[in-house]
Amino acid sequence: METLSAVGRSAWIDLLRTLKDSALSGLIGTPKKKTVGARQYWYDHYRLGSRTVDRYIGEDSDELRARLARHRKLAAEEKTRERTRARLMRILRAEGFRMSDVNTGQIVSAMAKTGVFRLGGTLVGTTAFLCYEGELGVRIGFDAAAQTDDIDIASFERLSLVIEDRVDTPLAQVFGDLKFDPVPSLDRRHVWRWRQTDRQTMVEFLTPSFSGDEGLRTLEALGVSAQGLHHLNYLIAEPIQVPFLYRYGSLVQVPRPERFAIHKLIVADRRRDGPDSGKAAKDRAQAAFLVEVLAEERPVELADAYQTALESGPAWRTRIAASLARMPQTARRLDAL
């Protein structure tokens, strides 16, 4: 396990801060808070011609309220922050941080620009795994566990309804501009996958399934359909924001690394092509890497995530146990927590 330099880690933290500040620099009107059930959400409230617009900002938190209190100052400083982000990205490149390839970077930054992550979308899969380099301060090697042609976005169906806001540009248009074609599904009413015509890259949208089936659902805020999956609610609960390292950086959401690690143990045993497949092996490799790091750096968070999964039911315990039977070193690390 190779740790990243203190200079690089500091630059990564500064980049995250400036991206969060920039997310609020473009507010047009007055921040307004709405209560939905037990949760509270903030919106940019303004008039546009004869109608009133509420543009979703995010879920209420101490950090968000502090930024909203100085949003006018943030707007005035945006030009300075743009230059700062360019400088920080140069530092991160020089310190050896993994940068996104051009193709993935164009796709993810386009989704960030139109509001996918602002509206609750969360990067999952290998694209998210690569973002943990800066979050955990360790280098992720260029091995098979870090290779992918897929970009997976997950979101809660209910959150997508509650937000009552939509992406700035329809995703069908965004993907069309990037030379993606929709992949037909058995249900012609739903499109949840797009494939790039001149490459093998696939973008898929996913959502937690709370029923017996794993059918297709609609994500209203994103204007797309999504494949329902069991266990996904565990993965994307309380996601974190991180910089996506392409050009001048984009602010994206990813799962908490401890939940990502445990979820990969479940997914490895659920693969349709079996636990001996290449994808299942990559799942276990990613889980093993994160467990090794987190057992040293964040043992309490890892233990909590592991216990939560074990307490979620016998099916969860069975799948985790099946993966750990192939990973004795990782099993020992988890048992020692």
C-alpha atoms as a PDB file:
ATOM      1  CA  MET A   1       0.000   0.000   0.000  1.00  0.00           C
ATOM      2  CA  GLU A   2       1.629   3.236  -1.180  1.00  0.00           C
ATOM      3  CA  THR A   3       0.511   6.450   0.482  1.00  0.00           C
ATOM      4  CA  LEU A   4       0.226   9.683  -1.463  1.00  0.00           C
ATOM      5  CA  SER A   5       2.312  12.732  -0.610  1.00  0.00           C
ATOM      6  CA  ALA A   6       1.186  15.300   1.949  1.00  0.00           C
ATOM      7  CA  VAL A   7       1.440  17.944  -0.800  1.00  0.00           C
ATOM      8  CA  GLY A   8      -0.876  15.993  -3.076  1.00  0.00           C
ATOM      9  CA  ARG A   9      -3.338  15.163  -0.311  1.00  0.00           C
ATOM     10  CA  SER A  10      -3.533  18.830   0.684  1.00  0.00           C
ATOM     11  CA  ALA A  11      -4.137  19.845  -2.934  1.00  0.00           C
ATOM     12  CA  TRP A  12      -6.924  17.251  -3.236  1.00  0.00           C
ATOM     13  CA  ILE A  13      -8.646  18.591  -0.117  1.00  0.00           C
ATOM     14  CA  ASP A  14      -8.330  22.173  -1.401  1.00  0.00           C
ATOM     15  CA  LEU A  15      -9.777  21.129  -4.772  1.00  0.00           C
ATOM     16  CA  LEU A  16     -12.780  19.539  -3.054  1.00  0.00           C
ATOM     17  CA  ARG A  17     -13.374  22.697  -1.057  1.00  0.00           C
ATOM     18  CA  THR A  18     -13.200  24.978  -4.095  1.00  0.00           C
ATOM     19  CA  LEU A  19     -15.553  22.708  -6.079  1.00  0.00           C
ATOM     20  CA  LYS A  20     -18.103  22.800  -3.255  1.00  0.00           C
ATOM     21  CA  ASP A  21     -17.788  26.589  -3.099  1.00  0.00           C
ATOM     22  CA  SER A  22     -18.227  26.867  -6.866  1.00  0.00           C
ATOM     23  CA  ALA A  23     -21.389  24.755  -6.733  1.00  0.00           C
ATOM     24  CA  LEU A  24     -23.080  27.633  -4.897  1.00  0.00           C
ATOM     25  CA  SER A  25     -21.486  30.539  -6.754  1.00  0.00           C
ATOM     26  CA  GLY A  26     -24.140  30.543  -9.475  1.00  0.00           C
ATOM     27  CA  LEU A  27     -27.215  31.019  -7.275  1.00  0.00           C
ATOM     28  CA  ILE A  28     -29.701  33.365  -8.918  1.00  0.00           C
ATOM     29  CA  GLY A  29     -32.254  34.029  -6.191  1.00  0.00           C
ATOM     30  CA  THR A  30     -32.692  33.433  -2.469  1.00  0.00           C
ATOM     31  CA  PRO A  31     -31.925  30.094  -0.801  1.00  0.00           C
ATOM     32  CA  LYS A  32     -35.140  28.458   0.425  1.00  0.00           C
ATOM     33  CA  LYS A  33     -35.553  25.405   2.662  1.00  0.00           C
ATOM     34  CA  LYS A  34     -38.323  22.828   2.215  1.00  0.00           C
ATOM     35  CA  THR A  35     -39.284  20.039   4.604  1.00  0.00           C
ATOM     36  CA  VAL A  36     -40.321  16.686   3.153  1.00  0.00           C
ATOM     37  CA  GLY A  37     -41.133  14.103   5.796  1.00  0.00           C
ATOM     38  CA  ALA A  38     -38.221  13.950   8.214  1.00  0.00           C
ATOM     39  CA  ARG A  39     -35.721  15.564   5.823  1.00  0.00           C
ATOM     40  CA  GLN A  40     -35.036  19.130   4.748  1.00  0.00           C
ATOM     41  CA  TYR A  41     -33.775  20.306   1.360  1.00  0.00           C
ATOM     42  CA  TRP A  42     -32.452  23.622   0.031  1.00  0.00           C
ATOM     43  CA  TYR A  43     -33.444  25.281  -3.254  1.00  0.00           C
ATOM     44  CA  ASP A  44     -32.412  28.368  -5.213  1.00  0.00           C
ATOM     45  CA  HIS A  45     -35.735  30.249  -5.280  1.00  0.00           C
ATOM     46  CA  TYR A  46     -36.187  32.839  -8.046  1.00  0.00           C
ATOM     47  CA  ARG A  47     -38.582  34.158 -10.685  1.00  0.00           C
ATOM     48  CA  LEU A  48     -38.108  33.436 -14.379  1.00  0.00           C
ATOM     49  CA  GLY A  49     -40.520  35.539 -16.410  1.00  0.00           C
ATOM     50  CA  SER A  50     -43.993  34.846 -15.082  1.00  0.00           C
ATOM     51  CA  ARG A  51     -43.119  31.650 -13.203  1.00  0.00           C
ATOM     52  CA  THR A  52     -41.328  30.799  -9.986  1.00  0.00           C
ATOM     53  CA  VAL A  53     -38.388  28.393 -10.102  1.00  0.00           C
ATOM     54  CA  ASP A  54     -37.023  26.253  -7.271  1.00  0.00           C
ATOM     55  CA  ARG A  55     -33.682  24.788  -8.383  1.00  0.00           C
ATOM     56  CA  TYR A  56     -32.467  22.004  -6.124  1.00  0.00           C
ATOM     57  CA  ILE A  57     -29.248  22.681  -4.195  1.00  0.00           C
ATOM     58  CA  GLY A  58     -28.927  19.788  -1.741  1.00  0.00           C
ATOM     59  CA  GLU A  59     -29.994  18.173   1.518  1.00  0.00           C
ATOM     60  CA  ASP A  60     -29.727  20.310   4.633  1.00  0.00           C
ATOM     61  CA  SER A  61     -26.470  20.066   6.601  1.00  0.00           C
ATOM     62  CA  ASP A  62     -24.304  22.313   8.759  1.00  0.00           C
ATOM     63  CA  GLU A  63     -21.716  22.502   5.973  1.00  0.00           C
ATOM     64  CA  LEU A  64     -24.261  23.497   3.331  1.00  0.00           C
ATOM     65  CA  ARG A  65     -25.857  26.143   5.567  1.00  0.00           C
ATOM     66  CA  ALA A  66     -22.437  27.686   6.201  1.00  0.00           C
ATOM     67  CA  ARG A  67     -21.788  27.952   2.452  1.00  0.00           C
ATOM     68  CA  LEU A  68     -25.263  29.337   1.759  1.00  0.00           C
ATOM     69  CA  ALA A  69     -24.664  32.063   4.341  1.00  0.00           C
ATOM     70  CA  ARG A  70     -21.825  33.397   2.195  1.00  0.00           C
ATOM     71  CA  HIS A  71     -23.051  32.541  -1.303  1.00  0.00           C
ATOM     72  CA  ARG A  72     -22.775  36.141  -2.538  1.00  0.00           C
ATOM     73  CA  LYS A  73     -19.123  36.251  -1.540  1.00  0.00           C
ATOM     74  CA  LEU A  74     -18.595  32.871  -3.225  1.00  0.00           C
ATOM     75  CA  ALA A  75     -20.039  34.255  -6.464  1.00  0.00           C
ATOM     76  CA  ALA A  76     -17.679  37.243  -6.398  1.00  0.00           C
ATOM     77  CA  GLU A  77     -14.667  34.957  -5.942  1.00  0.00           C
ATOM     78  CA  GLU A  78     -15.473  32.454  -8.689  1.00  0.00           C
ATOM     79  CA  LYS A  79     -12.889  33.723 -11.199  1.00  0.00           C
ATOM     80  CA  THR A  80     -10.178  33.369  -8.581  1.00  0.00           C
ATOM     81  CA  ARG A  81     -11.354  29.838  -7.787  1.00  0.00           C
ATOM     82  CA  GLU A  82     -11.141  28.859 -11.469  1.00  0.00           C
ATOM     83  CA  ARG A  83      -7.454  29.782 -11.508  1.00  0.00           C
ATOM     84  CA  THR A  84      -6.979  27.997  -8.184  1.00  0.00           C
ATOM     85  CA  ARG A  85      -8.514  24.784  -9.542  1.00  0.00           C
ATOM     86  CA  ALA A  86      -6.191  24.857 -12.554  1.00  0.00           C
ATOM     87  CA  ARG A  87      -3.195  25.226 -10.216  1.00  0.00           C
ATOM     88  CA  LEU A  88      -4.385  22.428  -7.931  1.00  0.00           C
ATOM     89  CA  MET A  89      -4.893  20.057 -10.861  1.00  0.00           C
ATOM     90  CA  ARG A  90      -1.303  20.745 -11.993  1.00  0.00           C
ATOM     91  CA  ILE A  91      -0.089  19.826  -8.504  1.00  0.00           C
ATOM     92  CA  LEU A  92      -2.144  16.619  -8.477  1.00  0.00           C
ATOM     93  CA  ARG A  93      -0.736  15.570 -11.869  1.00  0.00           C
ATOM     94  CA  ALA A  94       2.816  16.284 -10.696  1.00  0.00           C
ATOM     95  CA  GLU A  95       2.225  14.262  -7.506  1.00  0.00           C
ATOM     96  CA  GLY A  96       1.088  11.252  -9.539  1.00  0.00           C
ATOM     97  CA  PHE A  97      -2.646  11.264  -8.812  1.00  0.00           C
ATOM     98  CA  ARG A  98      -4.620   9.129 -11.231  1.00  0.00           C
ATOM     99  CA  MET A  99      -6.374  11.343 -13.802  1.00  0.00           C
ATOM    100  CA  SER A 100      -9.431  10.235 -15.732  1.00  0.00           C
ATOM    101  CA  ASP A 101      -8.965   9.158 -19.320  1.00  0.00           C
ATOM    102  CA  VAL A 102     -10.412  11.579 -21.870  1.00  0.00           C
ATOM    103  CA  ASN A 103     -13.438   9.488 -22.810  1.00  0.00           C
ATOM    104  CA  THR A 104     -14.613   8.820 -19.259  1.00  0.00           C
ATOM    105  CA  GLY A 105     -13.777  12.378 -18.255  1.00  0.00           C
ATOM    106  CA  GLN A 106     -15.907  13.882 -21.017  1.00  0.00           C
ATOM    107  CA  ILE A 107     -18.886  11.712 -20.070  1.00  0.00           C
ATOM    108  CA  VAL A 108     -18.724  12.249 -16.307  1.00  0.00           C
ATOM    109  CA  SER A 109     -18.054  15.981 -16.554  1.00  0.00           C
ATOM    110  CA  ALA A 110     -20.963  16.379 -18.986  1.00  0.00           C
ATOM    111  CA  MET A 111     -23.275  14.638 -16.517  1.00  0.00           C
ATOM    112  CA  ALA A 112     -21.939  16.819 -13.699  1.00  0.00           C
ATOM    113  CA  LYS A 113     -22.528  19.965 -15.741  1.00  0.00           C
ATOM    114  CA  THR A 114     -26.165  19.120 -16.479  1.00  0.00           C
ATOM    115  CA  GLY A 115     -26.893  18.320 -12.823  1.00  0.00           C
ATOM    116  CA  VAL A 116     -26.834  14.522 -12.479  1.00  0.00           C
ATOM    117  CA  PHE A 117     -24.844  14.554  -9.231  1.00  0.00           C
ATOM    118  CA  ARG A 118     -26.525  17.688  -7.892  1.00  0.00           C
ATOM    119  CA  LEU A 119     -29.854  15.843  -8.224  1.00  0.00           C
ATOM    120  CA  GLY A 120     -28.839  12.736  -6.325  1.00  0.00           C
ATOM    121  CA  GLY A 121     -26.936  10.653  -8.875  1.00  0.00           C
ATOM    122  CA  THR A 122     -24.061   8.644  -7.387  1.00  0.00           C
ATOM    123  CA  LEU A 123     -21.153   7.115  -9.300  1.00  0.00           C
ATOM    124  CA  VAL A 124     -20.812   3.429  -8.481  1.00  0.00           C
ATOM    125  CA  GLY A 125     -18.648   0.625  -9.814  1.00  0.00           C
ATOM    126  CA  THR A 126     -15.002   0.948 -10.844  1.00  0.00           C
ATOM    127  CA  THR A 127     -15.350   4.623 -11.812  1.00  0.00           C
ATOM    128  CA  ALA A 128     -16.232   5.356  -8.179  1.00  0.00           C
ATOM    129  CA  PHE A 129     -13.484   3.038  -6.876  1.00  0.00           C
ATOM    130  CA  LEU A 130     -10.842   5.121  -8.663  1.00  0.00           C
ATOM    131  CA  CYS A 131     -12.079   8.258  -6.873  1.00  0.00           C
ATOM    132  CA  TYR A 132     -11.041   6.815  -3.502  1.00  0.00           C
ATOM    133  CA  GLU A 133      -7.377   7.486  -4.215  1.00  0.00           C
ATOM    134  CA  GLY A 134      -7.593  11.039  -2.921  1.00  0.00           C
ATOM    135  CA  GLU A 135     -10.281  10.293  -0.329  1.00  0.00           C
ATOM    136  CA  LEU A 136      -8.098   7.666   1.372  1.00  0.00           C
ATOM    137  CA  GLY A 137      -4.682   9.079   0.488  1.00  0.00           C
ATOM    138  CA  VAL A 138      -3.388   5.865  -1.103  1.00  0.00           C
ATOM    139  CA  ARG A 139      -2.321   5.064  -4.643  1.00  0.00           C
ATOM    140  CA  ILE A 140      -4.510   2.730  -6.709  1.00  0.00           C
ATOM    141  CA  GLY A 141      -2.365   0.729  -9.103  1.00  0.00           C
ATOM    142  CA  PHE A 142      -3.041   0.246 -12.825  1.00  0.00           C
ATOM    143  CA  ASP A 143      -4.055  -3.394 -12.500  1.00  0.00           C
ATOM    144  CA  ALA A 144      -7.154  -5.285 -13.610  1.00  0.00           C
ATOM    145  CA  ALA A 145      -9.119  -4.074 -10.580  1.00  0.00           C
ATOM    146  CA  ALA A 146      -8.889  -0.508 -11.922  1.00  0.00           C
ATOM    147  CA  GLN A 147      -9.955  -1.110 -15.531  1.00  0.00           C
ATOM    148  CA  THR A 148     -13.491  -0.552 -16.863  1.00  0.00           C
ATOM    149  CA  ASP A 149     -15.489   0.377 -19.947  1.00  0.00           C
ATOM    150  CA  ASP A 150     -18.668   0.989 -17.920  1.00  0.00           C
ATOM    151  CA  ILE A 151     -19.946   4.057 -16.091  1.00  0.00           C
ATOM    152  CA  ASP A 152     -22.707   3.259 -13.595  1.00  0.00           C
ATOM    153  CA  ILE A 153     -24.928   5.888 -11.971  1.00  0.00           C
ATOM    154  CA  ALA A 154     -27.272   5.006  -9.099  1.00  0.00           C
ATOM    155  CA  SER A 155     -30.007   7.055  -7.461  1.00  0.00           C
ATOM    156  CA  PHE A 156     -32.975   6.555  -5.150  1.00  0.00           C
ATOM    157  CA  GLU A 157     -36.308   6.599  -6.975  1.00  0.00           C
ATOM    158  CA  ARG A 158     -38.026   8.383  -4.078  1.00  0.00           C
ATOM    159  CA  LEU A 159     -35.365  11.104  -3.848  1.00  0.00           C
ATOM    160  CA  SER A 160     -35.738  11.671  -7.580  1.00  0.00           C
ATOM    161  CA  LEU A 161     -39.453  12.337  -7.028  1.00  0.00           C
ATOM    162  CA  VAL A 162     -39.052  14.448  -3.872  1.00  0.00           C
ATOM    163  CA  ILE A 163     -36.544  16.835  -5.433  1.00  0.00           C
ATOM    164  CA  GLU A 164     -39.100  18.209  -7.949  1.00  0.00           C
ATOM    165  CA  ASP A 165     -36.315  19.422 -10.230  1.00  0.00           C
ATOM    166  CA  ARG A 166     -34.750  18.049 -13.410  1.00  0.00           C
ATOM    167  CA  VAL A 167     -31.397  18.024 -15.165  1.00  0.00           C
ATOM    168  CA  ASP A 168     -30.572  21.214 -17.049  1.00  0.00           C
ATOM    169  CA  THR A 169     -30.142  19.390 -20.379  1.00  0.00           C
ATOM    170  CA  PRO A 170     -31.983  16.106 -21.110  1.00  0.00           C
ATOM    171  CA  LEU A 171     -29.565  13.202 -20.809  1.00  0.00           C
ATOM    172  CA  ALA A 172     -30.713  11.768 -24.136  1.00  0.00           C
ATOM    173  CA  GLN A 173     -29.368  14.963 -25.736  1.00  0.00           C
ATOM    174  CA  VAL A 174     -26.156  14.868 -23.674  1.00  0.00           C
ATOM    175  CA  PHE A 175     -25.478  11.264 -24.700  1.00  0.00           C
ATOM    176  CA  GLY A 176     -26.390  11.974 -28.311  1.00  0.00           C
ATOM    177  CA  ASP A 177     -23.794  14.746 -28.432  1.00  0.00           C
ATOM    178  CA  LEU A 178     -21.217  12.245 -27.110  1.00  0.00           C
ATOM    179  CA  LYS A 179     -22.180   9.691 -29.797  1.00  0.00           C
ATOM    180  CA  PHE A 180     -24.102   7.333 -27.532  1.00  0.00           C
ATOM    181  CA  ASP A 181     -27.095   5.333 -28.720  1.00  0.00           C
ATOM    182  CA  PRO A 182     -29.815   4.028 -26.372  1.00  0.00           C
ATOM    183  CA  VAL A 183     -29.721   0.271 -25.821  1.00  0.00           C
ATOM    184  CA  PRO A 184     -33.229  -1.165 -26.304  1.00  0.00           C
ATOM    185  CA  SER A 185     -34.728  -3.069 -23.361  1.00  0.00           C
ATOM    186  CA  LEU A 186     -37.496  -5.650 -23.330  1.00  0.00           C
ATOM    187  CA  ASP A 187     -39.815  -2.949 -22.020  1.00  0.00           C
ATOM    188  CA  ARG A 188     -39.814  -0.358 -24.815  1.00  0.00           C
ATOM    189  CA  ARG A 189     -41.077   2.341 -22.438  1.00  0.00           C
ATOM    190  CA  HIS A 190     -37.771   2.378 -20.542  1.00  0.00           C
ATOM    191  CA  VAL A 191     -34.252   3.305 -21.579  1.00  0.00           C
ATOM    192  CA  TRP A 192     -31.662   2.790 -18.857  1.00  0.00           C
ATOM    193  CA  ARG A 193     -28.485   2.048 -20.846  1.00  0.00           C
ATOM    194  CA  TRP A 194     -26.541   3.918 -23.528  1.00  0.00           C
ATOM    195  CA  ARG A 195     -23.612   2.572 -25.558  1.00  0.00           C
ATOM    196  CA  GLN A 196     -21.046   4.732 -27.338  1.00  0.00           C
ATOM    197  CA  THR A 197     -21.108   3.979 -31.055  1.00  0.00           C
ATOM    198  CA  ASP A 198     -17.359   4.301 -31.726  1.00  0.00           C
ATOM    199  CA  ARG A 199     -16.162   2.710 -28.445  1.00  0.00           C
ATOM    200  CA  GLN A 200     -17.281  -0.014 -26.033  1.00  0.00           C
ATOM    201  CA  THR A 201     -18.215   2.416 -23.244  1.00  0.00           C
ATOM    202  CA  MET A 202     -21.598   1.754 -21.621  1.00  0.00           C
ATOM    203  CA  VAL A 203     -23.478   4.099 -19.282  1.00  0.00           C
ATOM    204  CA  GLU A 204     -26.078   2.428 -17.061  1.00  0.00           C
ATOM    205  CA  PHE A 205     -28.548   3.839 -14.525  1.00  0.00           C
ATOM    206  CA  LEU A 206     -29.452   1.836 -11.429  1.00  0.00           C
ATOM    207  CA  THR A 207     -31.814   2.240  -8.480  1.00  0.00           C
ATOM    208  CA  PRO A 208     -32.454   0.260  -5.283  1.00  0.00           C
ATOM    209  CA  SER A 209     -35.216  -2.342  -5.449  1.00  0.00           C
ATOM    210  CA  PHE A 210     -37.290  -2.792  -2.308  1.00  0.00           C
ATOM    211  CA  SER A 211     -39.610  -5.444  -3.749  1.00  0.00           C
ATOM    212  CA  GLY A 212     -39.214  -9.049  -4.807  1.00  0.00           C
ATOM    213  CA  ASP A 213     -38.438  -8.215  -8.414  1.00  0.00           C
ATOM    214  CA  GLU A 214     -35.636  -6.108  -9.839  1.00  0.00           C
ATOM    215  CA  GLY A 215     -37.617  -4.376 -12.560  1.00  0.00           C
ATOM    216  CA  LEU A 216     -37.137  -1.037 -14.282  1.00  0.00           C
ATOM    217  CA  ARG A 217     -38.044   2.192 -12.499  1.00  0.00           C
ATOM    218  CA  THR A 218     -38.192   5.856 -13.534  1.00  0.00           C
ATOM    219  CA  LEU A 219     -35.809   8.475 -12.125  1.00  0.00           C
ATOM    220  CA  GLU A 220     -37.858  11.633 -12.637  1.00  0.00           C
ATOM    221  CA  ALA A 221     -35.122  14.114 -11.771  1.00  0.00           C
ATOM    222  CA  LEU A 222     -32.687  12.597 -14.271  1.00  0.00           C
ATOM    223  CA  GLY A 223     -35.286  11.949 -16.964  1.00  0.00           C
ATOM    224  CA  VAL A 224     -34.182   8.319 -17.450  1.00  0.00           C
ATOM    225  CA  SER A 225     -35.174   4.835 -16.381  1.00  0.00           C
ATOM    226  CA  ALA A 226     -33.056   2.676 -14.081  1.00  0.00           C
ATOM    227  CA  GLN A 227     -32.584  -1.015 -13.388  1.00  0.00           C
ATOM    228  CA  GLY A 228     -33.744  -1.952  -9.902  1.00  0.00           C
ATOM    229  CA  LEU A 229     -31.218  -3.928  -7.840  1.00  0.00           C
ATOM    230  CA  HIS A 230     -31.331  -5.461  -4.375  1.00  0.00           C
ATOM    231  CA  HIS A 231     -28.673  -4.385  -1.840  1.00  0.00           C
ATOM    232  CA  LEU A 232     -28.090  -1.090  -3.715  1.00  0.00           C
ATOM    233  CA  ASN A 233     -29.825   0.982  -1.025  1.00  0.00           C
ATOM    234  CA  TYR A 234     -27.048  -0.058   1.379  1.00  0.00           C
ATOM    235  CA  LEU A 235     -24.372   1.085  -1.068  1.00  0.00           C
ATOM    236  CA  ILE A 236     -25.635   4.573  -1.857  1.00  0.00           C
ATOM    237  CA  ALA A 237     -26.974   5.598   1.555  1.00  0.00           C
ATOM    238  CA  GLU A 238     -25.311   8.838   2.694  1.00  0.00           C
ATOM    239  CA  PRO A 239     -22.895   9.251  -0.246  1.00  0.00           C
ATOM    240  CA  ILE A 240     -19.908  11.574  -0.105  1.00  0.00           C
ATOM    241  CA  GLN A 241     -18.752  14.288  -2.501  1.00  0.00           C
ATOM    242  CA  VAL A 242     -15.315  14.040  -4.113  1.00  0.00           C
ATOM    243  CA  PRO A 243     -13.467  15.708  -6.991  1.00  0.00           C
ATOM    244  CA  PHE A 244     -13.473  13.871 -10.305  1.00  0.00           C
ATOM    245  CA  LEU A 245     -10.015  14.471 -11.750  1.00  0.00           C
ATOM    246  CA  TYR A 246     -10.476  15.594 -15.340  1.00  0.00           C
ATOM    247  CA  ARG A 247      -9.478  18.984 -16.765  1.00  0.00           C
ATOM    248  CA  TYR A 248     -10.269  21.451 -13.924  1.00  0.00           C
ATOM    249  CA  GLY A 249     -12.198  18.955 -11.787  1.00  0.00           C
ATOM    250  CA  SER A 250     -15.889  18.187 -11.341  1.00  0.00           C
ATOM    251  CA  LEU A 251     -17.840  17.620  -8.137  1.00  0.00           C
ATOM    252  CA  VAL A 252     -19.388  14.128  -8.056  1.00  0.00           C
ATOM    253  CA  GLN A 253     -20.967  11.786  -5.511  1.00  0.00           C
ATOM    254  CA  VAL A 254     -19.616   8.329  -4.671  1.00  0.00           C
ATOM    255  CA  PRO A 255     -20.567   5.771  -2.001  1.00  0.00           C
ATOM    256  CA  ARG A 256     -18.785   5.765   1.331  1.00  0.00           C
ATOM    257  CA  PRO A 257     -15.675   3.597   0.819  1.00  0.00           C
ATOM    258  CA  GLU A 258     -16.481   1.254   3.716  1.00  0.00           C
ATOM    259  CA  ARG A 259     -19.923   0.509   2.251  1.00  0.00           C
ATOM    260  CA  PHE A 260     -18.418   0.121  -1.218  1.00  0.00           C
ATOM    261  CA  ALA A 261     -16.005  -2.504   0.140  1.00  0.00           C
ATOM    262  CA  ILE A 262     -18.678  -4.610   1.843  1.00  0.00           C
ATOM    263  CA  HIS A 263     -21.102  -4.231  -1.061  1.00  0.00           C
ATOM    264  CA  LYS A 264     -18.452  -5.619  -3.423  1.00  0.00           C
ATOM    265  CA  LEU A 265     -18.374  -8.805  -1.326  1.00  0.00           C
ATOM    266  CA  ILE A 266     -22.109  -9.179  -1.962  1.00  0.00           C
ATOM    267  CA  VAL A 267     -21.934  -8.313  -5.652  1.00  0.00           C
ATOM    268  CA  ALA A 268     -19.100 -10.772  -6.301  1.00  0.00           C
ATOM    269  CA  ASP A 269     -21.381 -13.624  -5.260  1.00  0.00           C
ATOM    270  CA  ARG A 270     -24.339 -12.282  -7.273  1.00  0.00           C
ATOM    271  CA  ARG A 271     -22.669 -12.068 -10.662  1.00  0.00           C
ATOM    272  CA  ARG A 272     -24.814 -13.692 -13.343  1.00  0.00           C
ATOM    273  CA  ASP A 273     -21.781 -15.342 -14.904  1.00  0.00           C
ATOM    274  CA  GLY A 274     -20.804 -16.772 -11.522  1.00  0.00           C
ATOM    275  CA  PRO A 275     -18.304 -16.078  -8.729  1.00  0.00           C
ATOM    276  CA  ASP A 276     -15.453 -17.458 -10.857  1.00  0.00           C
ATOM    277  CA  SER A 277     -15.907 -14.798 -13.548  1.00  0.00           C
ATOM    278  CA  GLY A 278     -13.450 -12.014 -14.257  1.00  0.00           C
ATOM    279  CA  LYS A 279     -15.879  -9.383 -12.990  1.00  0.00           C
ATOM    280  CA  ALA A 280     -16.388 -11.234  -9.706  1.00  0.00           C
ATOM    281  CA  ALA A 281     -12.623 -11.472  -9.286  1.00  0.00           C
ATOM    282  CA  LYS A 282     -12.380  -7.702  -9.838  1.00  0.00           C
ATOM    283  CA  ASP A 283     -15.114  -7.143  -7.229  1.00  0.00           C
ATOM    284  CA  ARG A 284     -13.140  -9.147  -4.682  1.00  0.00           C
ATOM    285  CA  ALA A 285      -9.886  -7.371  -5.569  1.00  0.00           C
ATOM    286  CA  GLN A 286     -11.474  -3.966  -5.002  1.00  0.00           C
ATOM    287  CA  ALA A 287     -13.038  -5.109  -1.720  1.00  0.00           C
ATOM    288  CA  ALA A 288      -9.719  -6.556  -0.529  1.00  0.00           C
ATOM    289  CA  PHE A 289      -7.845  -3.347  -1.335  1.00  0.00           C
ATOM    290  CA  LEU A 290     -10.348  -1.130   0.488  1.00  0.00           C
ATOM    291  CA  VAL A 291     -10.622  -3.411   3.509  1.00  0.00           C
ATOM    292  CA  GLU A 292      -6.821  -3.411   3.839  1.00  0.00           C
ATOM    293  CA  VAL A 293      -6.706   0.399   3.778  1.00  0.00           C
ATOM    294  CA  LEU A 294      -9.783   1.013   5.918  1.00  0.00           C
ATOM    295  CA  ALA A 295      -8.825  -1.532   8.578  1.00  0.00           C
ATOM    296  CA  GLU A 296      -5.788   0.688   9.247  1.00  0.00           C
ATOM    297  CA  GLU A 297      -7.197   4.150   8.593  1.00  0.00           C
ATOM    298  CA  ARG A 298     -10.946   3.946   9.438  1.00  0.00           C
ATOM    299  CA  PRO A 299     -11.540   0.750  11.439  1.00  0.00           C
ATOM    300  CA  VAL A 300     -14.635   2.041  13.269  1.00  0.00           C
ATOM    301  CA  GLU A 301     -16.405   3.044  10.031  1.00  0.00           C
ATOM    302  CA  LEU A 302     -15.470  -0.269   8.402  1.00  0.00           C
ATOM    303  CA  ALA A 303     -16.695  -2.272  11.400  1.00  0.00           C
ATOM    304  CA  ASP A 304     -19.997  -0.375  11.422  1.00  0.00           C
ATOM    305  CA  ALA A 305     -20.552  -0.955   7.689  1.00  0.00           C
ATOM    306  CA  TYR A 306     -19.713  -4.664   8.053  1.00  0.00           C
ATOM    307  CA  GLN A 307     -22.041  -5.115  11.025  1.00  0.00           C
ATOM    308  CA  THR A 308     -24.884  -3.249   9.297  1.00  0.00           C
ATOM    309  CA  ALA A 309     -24.642  -5.582   6.301  1.00  0.00           C
ATOM    310  CA  LEU A 310     -24.517  -8.711   8.483  1.00  0.00           C
ATOM    311  CA  GLU A 311     -27.614  -7.556  10.353  1.00  0.00           C
ATOM    312  CA  SER A 312     -29.555  -6.965   7.122  1.00  0.00           C
ATOM    313  CA  GLY A 313     -30.624 -10.595   6.776  1.00  0.00           C
ATOM    314  CA  PRO A 314     -29.529 -14.169   6.095  1.00  0.00           C
ATOM    315  CA  ALA A 315     -29.195 -13.640   2.326  1.00  0.00           C
ATOM    316  CA  TRP A 316     -26.703 -10.826   2.965  1.00  0.00           C
ATOM    317  CA  ARG A 317     -24.677 -12.955   5.392  1.00  0.00           C
ATOM    318  CA  THR A 318     -24.644 -15.903   2.997  1.00  0.00           C
ATOM    319  CA  ARG A 319     -23.273 -13.883   0.090  1.00  0.00           C
ATOM    320  CA  ILE A 320     -20.669 -12.105   2.195  1.00  0.00           C
ATOM    321  CA  ALA A 321     -19.526 -15.413   3.658  1.00  0.00           C
ATOM    322  CA  ALA A 322     -19.274 -17.000   0.203  1.00  0.00           C
ATOM    323  CA  SER A 323     -16.959 -14.219  -1.001  1.00  0.00           C
ATOM    324  CA  LEU A 324     -14.863 -14.195   2.166  1.00  0.00           C
ATOM    325  CA  ALA A 325     -14.360 -17.953   1.856  1.00  0.00           C
ATOM    326  CA  ARG A 326     -12.249 -17.106  -1.217  1.00  0.00           C
ATOM    327  CA  MET A 327     -10.474 -14.232   0.605  1.00  0.00           C
ATOM    328  CA  PRO A 328      -8.941 -15.582   3.835  1.00  0.00           C
ATOM    329  CA  GLN A 329      -6.736 -12.542   4.462  1.00  0.00           C
ATOM    330  CA  THR A 330      -9.649 -10.116   4.057  1.00  0.00           C
ATOM    331  CA  ALA A 331     -11.832 -12.346   6.260  1.00  0.00           C
ATOM    332  CA  ARG A 332      -9.200 -12.219   8.995  1.00  0.00           C
ATOM    333  CA  ARG A 333      -9.004  -8.423   8.793  1.00  0.00           C
ATOM    334  CA  LEU A 334     -12.770  -8.089   9.153  1.00  0.00           C
ATOM    335  CA  ASP A 335     -12.942 -10.602  12.008  1.00  0.00           C
ATOM    336  CA  ALA A 336     -10.282  -8.629  13.862  1.00  0.00           C
ATOM    337  CA  LEU A 337     -12.275  -5.386  13.858  1.00  0.00           C
END
